[in-house]
N, C-alpha and C. Protein backbone atom coordinates (compact mmCIF):
# COMPACT_ATOMS: atom_id res chain seq x y z
N UNK A 1 0.67 -1.04 -0.36
CA UNK A 1 0.26 0.47 0.34
C UNK A 1 1.01 1.27 -0.16
N UNK A 2 0.30 2.16 -0.63
CA UNK A 2 1.12 3.44 -0.99
C UNK A 2 1.20 4.36 0.16
N UNK A 3 -0.37 4.35 0.48
CA UNK A 3 -0.80 5.46 1.52
C UNK A 3 -2.06 5.03 1.92
N UNK A 4 -2.52 5.49 3.65
CA UNK A 4 -3.51 5.30 3.97
C UNK A 4 -4.10 6.62 5.11
N UNK A 5 -5.43 6.87 4.53
CA UNK A 5 -5.83 7.79 5.15
C UNK A 5 -7.11 7.43 5.49
N UNK A 6 -8.21 9.18 6.55
CA UNK A 6 -9.61 8.34 6.36
C UNK A 6 -10.49 9.80 5.69
N UNK A 7 -11.37 9.56 4.97
CA UNK A 7 -12.23 10.24 4.50
C UNK A 7 -13.22 10.42 5.54
N UNK A 8 -13.99 11.92 5.69
CA UNK A 8 -14.73 11.93 7.03
C UNK A 8 -16.10 12.50 6.06
N UNK A 9 -17.28 12.73 6.49
CA UNK A 9 -18.33 13.26 5.79
C UNK A 9 -19.46 12.62 7.33
N UNK A 10 -20.66 13.19 7.06
CA UNK A 10 -21.17 13.04 8.19
C UNK A 10 -21.37 11.92 8.22
N UNK A 11 -21.04 11.27 9.88
CA UNK A 11 -22.12 10.02 10.13
C UNK A 11 -21.25 8.92 9.10
N UNK A 12 -20.32 9.55 8.55
CA UNK A 12 -19.80 8.30 8.01
C UNK A 12 -17.73 8.14 7.74
N UNK A 13 -17.20 7.18 7.99
CA UNK A 13 -15.76 7.20 8.42
C UNK A 13 -15.35 6.07 7.28
N UNK A 14 -14.60 6.58 6.20
CA UNK A 14 -14.05 5.98 5.02
C UNK A 14 -12.10 5.42 5.46
N UNK A 15 -11.95 3.66 5.51
CA UNK A 15 -10.08 4.15 5.07
C UNK A 15 -10.16 3.86 3.98
N UNK A 16 -9.20 5.27 3.15
CA UNK A 16 -8.80 4.53 2.11
C UNK A 16 -7.45 4.42 1.93
N UNK A 17 -7.07 3.17 0.76
CA UNK A 17 -5.68 2.44 0.65
C UNK A 17 -5.27 3.00 -1.03
N UNK A 18 -4.01 3.47 -0.65
CA UNK A 18 -3.31 3.76 -2.14
C UNK A 18 -2.95 2.62 -2.35
N UNK A 19 -3.14 1.77 -3.63
CA UNK A 19 -2.16 0.69 -4.20
C UNK A 19 -1.28 1.15 -5.27
N UNK A 20 -0.57 0.17 -5.52
CA UNK A 20 0.66 0.54 -5.98
C UNK A 20 0.05 0.29 -7.81
N UNK A 21 -0.91 -0.36 -7.98
CA UNK A 21 -1.28 -0.56 -9.28
C UNK A 21 -2.72 -0.77 -9.28
N UNK A 22 -3.37 -0.57 -10.39
CA UNK A 22 -4.69 -0.47 -10.83
C UNK A 22 -4.88 -2.34 -10.73
N UNK A 23 -5.93 -2.70 -9.71
CA UNK A 23 -6.25 -3.83 -9.77
C UNK A 23 -7.03 -4.05 -11.27
N UNK A 24 -6.98 -5.71 -11.66
CA UNK A 24 -8.04 -5.72 -12.35
C UNK A 24 -9.13 -7.22 -11.41
N UNK A 25 -10.18 -6.98 -12.32
CA UNK A 25 -11.68 -7.53 -12.07
C UNK A 25 -10.82 -8.90 -11.41
N UNK A 26 -10.19 -9.92 -11.69
CA UNK A 26 -9.47 -11.11 -11.23
C UNK A 26 -8.90 -10.79 -10.03
N UNK A 27 -8.24 -9.88 -9.85
CA UNK A 27 -7.51 -9.58 -8.57
C UNK A 27 -8.21 -8.82 -7.28
N UNK A 28 -9.12 -8.59 -8.30
CA UNK A 28 -10.27 -8.33 -6.75
C UNK A 28 -11.32 -9.07 -6.39
N UNK A 29 -11.82 -10.36 -7.01
CA UNK A 29 -12.18 -11.27 -6.78
C UNK A 29 -11.53 -12.12 -5.95
N UNK A 30 -9.71 -12.27 -5.95
CA UNK A 30 -9.11 -12.81 -4.97
C UNK A 30 -8.90 -12.27 -3.55
N UNK A 31 -8.77 -10.57 -3.84
CA UNK A 31 -8.78 -9.63 -2.50
C UNK A 31 -10.30 -10.34 -1.57
N UNK A 32 -11.48 -9.88 -2.20
CA UNK A 32 -12.66 -10.07 -1.87
C UNK A 32 -12.39 -11.66 -1.01
N UNK A 33 -11.79 -13.07 -1.81
CA UNK A 33 -11.85 -14.27 -1.27
C UNK A 33 -10.96 -14.24 0.52
N UNK A 34 -9.96 -13.98 0.32
CA UNK A 34 -9.08 -13.74 1.10
C UNK A 34 -9.95 -12.32 2.73
N UNK A 35 -10.39 -11.48 2.15
CA UNK A 35 -10.90 -10.71 2.90
C UNK A 35 -12.36 -11.07 3.53
N UNK A 36 -12.89 -12.34 2.92
CA UNK A 36 -14.40 -12.59 2.89
C UNK A 36 -14.69 -12.09 5.02
N UNK A 37 -14.00 -13.16 5.45
CA UNK A 37 -14.31 -13.53 7.17
C UNK A 37 -13.25 -12.01 7.70
N UNK A 38 -13.71 -10.95 7.09
CA UNK A 38 -12.74 -10.00 8.00
C UNK A 38 -13.73 -9.56 9.18
N UNK A 39 -13.91 -9.06 9.71
CA UNK A 39 -14.39 -8.55 11.05
C UNK A 39 -14.72 -6.95 10.76
N UNK A 40 -14.02 -6.24 9.78
CA UNK A 40 -14.03 -4.91 9.11
C UNK A 40 -14.66 -5.08 7.56
N UNK A 41 -15.05 -5.72 7.52
CA UNK A 41 -16.27 -5.86 6.03
C UNK A 41 -15.34 -5.46 5.03
N UNK A 42 -13.88 -5.80 5.16
CA UNK A 42 -13.18 -5.47 3.92
C UNK A 42 -13.81 -6.28 2.63
N UNK A 43 -14.25 -7.39 2.81
CA UNK A 43 -14.80 -7.67 1.54
C UNK A 43 -15.68 -7.06 0.66
N UNK A 44 -16.13 -5.61 1.61
CA UNK A 44 -16.84 -5.07 0.49
C UNK A 44 -16.17 -3.36 0.00
N UNK A 45 -14.78 -3.98 0.07
CA UNK A 45 -14.34 -2.87 -0.12
C UNK A 45 -14.45 -1.87 -1.89
N UNK A 46 -14.69 -0.70 -1.85
CA UNK A 46 -14.91 -0.54 -3.10
C UNK A 46 -13.66 0.41 -3.87
N UNK A 47 -13.55 -0.61 -5.27
CA UNK A 47 -12.22 0.09 -5.69
C UNK A 47 -12.46 0.94 -7.41
N UNK A 48 -11.89 1.55 -6.89
CA UNK A 48 -11.75 3.14 -7.88
C UNK A 48 -9.98 3.50 -8.34
N UNK A 49 -10.09 3.17 -9.54
CA UNK A 49 -8.52 3.37 -10.00
C UNK A 49 -7.56 2.53 -9.17
N UNK A 50 -6.28 2.99 -8.27
CA UNK A 50 -5.46 2.70 -7.76
C UNK A 50 -5.73 3.04 -6.33
N UNK A 51 -7.28 3.35 -5.73
CA UNK A 51 -7.86 3.30 -4.95
C UNK A 51 -8.88 2.53 -3.94
N UNK A 52 -8.93 1.40 -2.74
CA UNK A 52 -9.40 0.79 -2.24
C UNK A 52 -10.27 1.18 -1.15
N UNK A 53 -11.78 1.45 -1.09
CA UNK A 53 -12.09 2.35 0.43
C UNK A 53 -12.95 1.18 0.83
N UNK A 54 -13.27 1.58 2.21
CA UNK A 54 -13.28 0.72 3.33
C UNK A 54 -14.26 1.39 4.55
N UNK A 55 -15.07 1.41 4.38
CA UNK A 55 -16.55 1.61 5.61
C UNK A 55 -15.66 1.21 6.93
N UNK A 56 -15.29 2.64 7.92
CA UNK A 56 -15.05 2.30 9.27
C UNK A 56 -16.22 2.95 10.39
N UNK A 57 -16.23 2.04 11.01
CA UNK A 57 -17.08 2.23 12.24
C UNK A 57 -16.42 3.32 13.27
N UNK A 58 -14.98 3.13 13.58
CA UNK A 58 -14.25 3.95 14.49
C UNK A 58 -12.58 4.49 14.11
N UNK A 59 -12.76 5.80 14.02
CA UNK A 59 -11.20 5.87 13.94
C UNK A 59 -10.06 5.08 14.73
N UNK A 60 -10.46 4.44 15.55
CA UNK A 60 -9.55 3.44 16.46
C UNK A 60 -8.97 2.15 15.48
N UNK A 61 -10.61 2.24 14.56
CA UNK A 61 -9.99 0.57 13.72
C UNK A 61 -9.51 0.54 12.43
N UNK A 62 -8.49 1.86 11.88
CA UNK A 62 -8.04 1.90 10.92
C UNK A 62 -6.20 1.08 11.06
N UNK A 63 -5.92 0.78 11.72
CA UNK A 63 -4.65 0.54 12.55
C UNK A 63 -4.63 -0.76 11.84
N UNK A 64 -5.76 -1.62 13.10
CA UNK A 64 -5.44 -3.36 12.55
C UNK A 64 -6.54 -3.70 10.96
N UNK A 65 -7.20 -2.27 10.40
CA UNK A 65 -7.76 -2.67 9.12
C UNK A 65 -6.56 -2.88 8.30
N UNK A 66 -5.27 -1.75 8.63
CA UNK A 66 -4.61 -1.83 7.76
C UNK A 66 -3.45 -2.95 7.77
N UNK A 67 -4.07 -3.60 8.94
CA UNK A 67 -2.79 -4.62 9.00
C UNK A 67 -3.52 -5.88 8.25
N UNK A 68 -4.91 -6.08 8.32
CA UNK A 68 -5.45 -6.98 7.50
C UNK A 68 -5.59 -6.66 6.11
N UNK A 69 -5.31 -5.29 5.74
CA UNK A 69 -5.56 -5.14 4.15
C UNK A 69 -4.33 -5.27 3.99
N UNK A 70 -3.08 -5.37 4.65
CA UNK A 70 -1.97 -5.90 4.03
C UNK A 70 -1.59 -7.11 3.83
N UNK A 71 -2.43 -7.95 4.21
CA UNK A 71 -2.33 -8.79 4.24
C UNK A 71 -3.14 -9.93 3.19
N UNK A 72 -4.31 -8.89 2.38
CA UNK A 72 -5.65 -9.55 1.71
C UNK A 72 -4.57 -9.19 0.51
N UNK A 73 -4.15 -8.10 0.71
CA UNK A 73 -3.08 -7.65 -0.43
C UNK A 73 -2.48 -8.39 -1.25
N UNK A 74 -1.52 -9.13 -0.15
CA UNK A 74 -0.36 -9.66 -0.19
C UNK A 74 -0.70 -11.15 -0.48
N UNK A 75 -2.03 -11.76 -0.17
CA UNK A 75 -2.42 -13.07 -0.65
C UNK A 75 -3.01 -12.81 -1.83
N UNK A 76 -3.66 -11.62 -2.39
CA UNK A 76 -4.13 -11.86 -4.01
C UNK A 76 -3.24 -11.21 -4.69
N UNK A 77 -2.35 -10.85 -4.24
CA UNK A 77 -1.26 -10.55 -5.37
C UNK A 77 -0.22 -12.16 -5.54
N UNK A 78 -0.23 -13.10 -4.67
CA UNK A 78 0.12 -13.91 -4.30
C UNK A 78 -0.87 -15.41 -5.00
N UNK A 79 -2.01 -15.18 -4.95
CA UNK A 79 -2.56 -15.80 -5.71
C UNK A 79 -2.86 -15.31 -7.56
N UNK A 80 -2.64 -13.74 -7.63
CA UNK A 80 -2.60 -13.75 -8.97
C UNK A 80 -1.60 -14.52 -9.60
N UNK A 81 -0.43 -14.31 -8.71
CA UNK A 81 1.08 -14.98 -9.82
C UNK A 81 0.71 -16.40 -9.59
N UNK A 82 0.66 -17.07 -8.54
CA UNK A 82 0.22 -18.71 -9.21
C UNK A 82 -0.95 -19.05 -9.65
N UNK A 83 -1.76 -18.06 -10.13
CA UNK A 83 -2.46 -17.83 -11.54
C UNK A 83 -2.41 -18.26 -13.08
N UNK A 84 -0.86 -17.42 -12.89
CA UNK A 84 -0.49 -17.01 -14.28
C UNK A 84 -0.94 -15.46 -14.33
N UNK A 85 -1.27 -14.71 -14.31
CA UNK A 85 -1.30 -12.99 -14.22
C UNK A 85 -0.34 -12.42 -14.41
N UNK A 86 -0.14 -11.45 -14.95
CA UNK A 86 1.13 -10.99 -15.20
C UNK A 86 1.40 -9.91 -14.15
């Protein structure tokens, strides 16, 4: 991940994760499969360009969510590599 920050709107916190590359559909599927059981609802991440957004309930959740996102991203990268994606 290149950067992590919070977008704040009335009644809503969103963690934004900057990715090193724009993910393709298959990579996103791998990511969601890895993130499916996350307590932070990371499987519902919204991807746009090189950014992934995940809703947060509390600011305090950003650090553990970031650690989880790193694992999900690494896992999706490994799955993509093993499947032969460029």
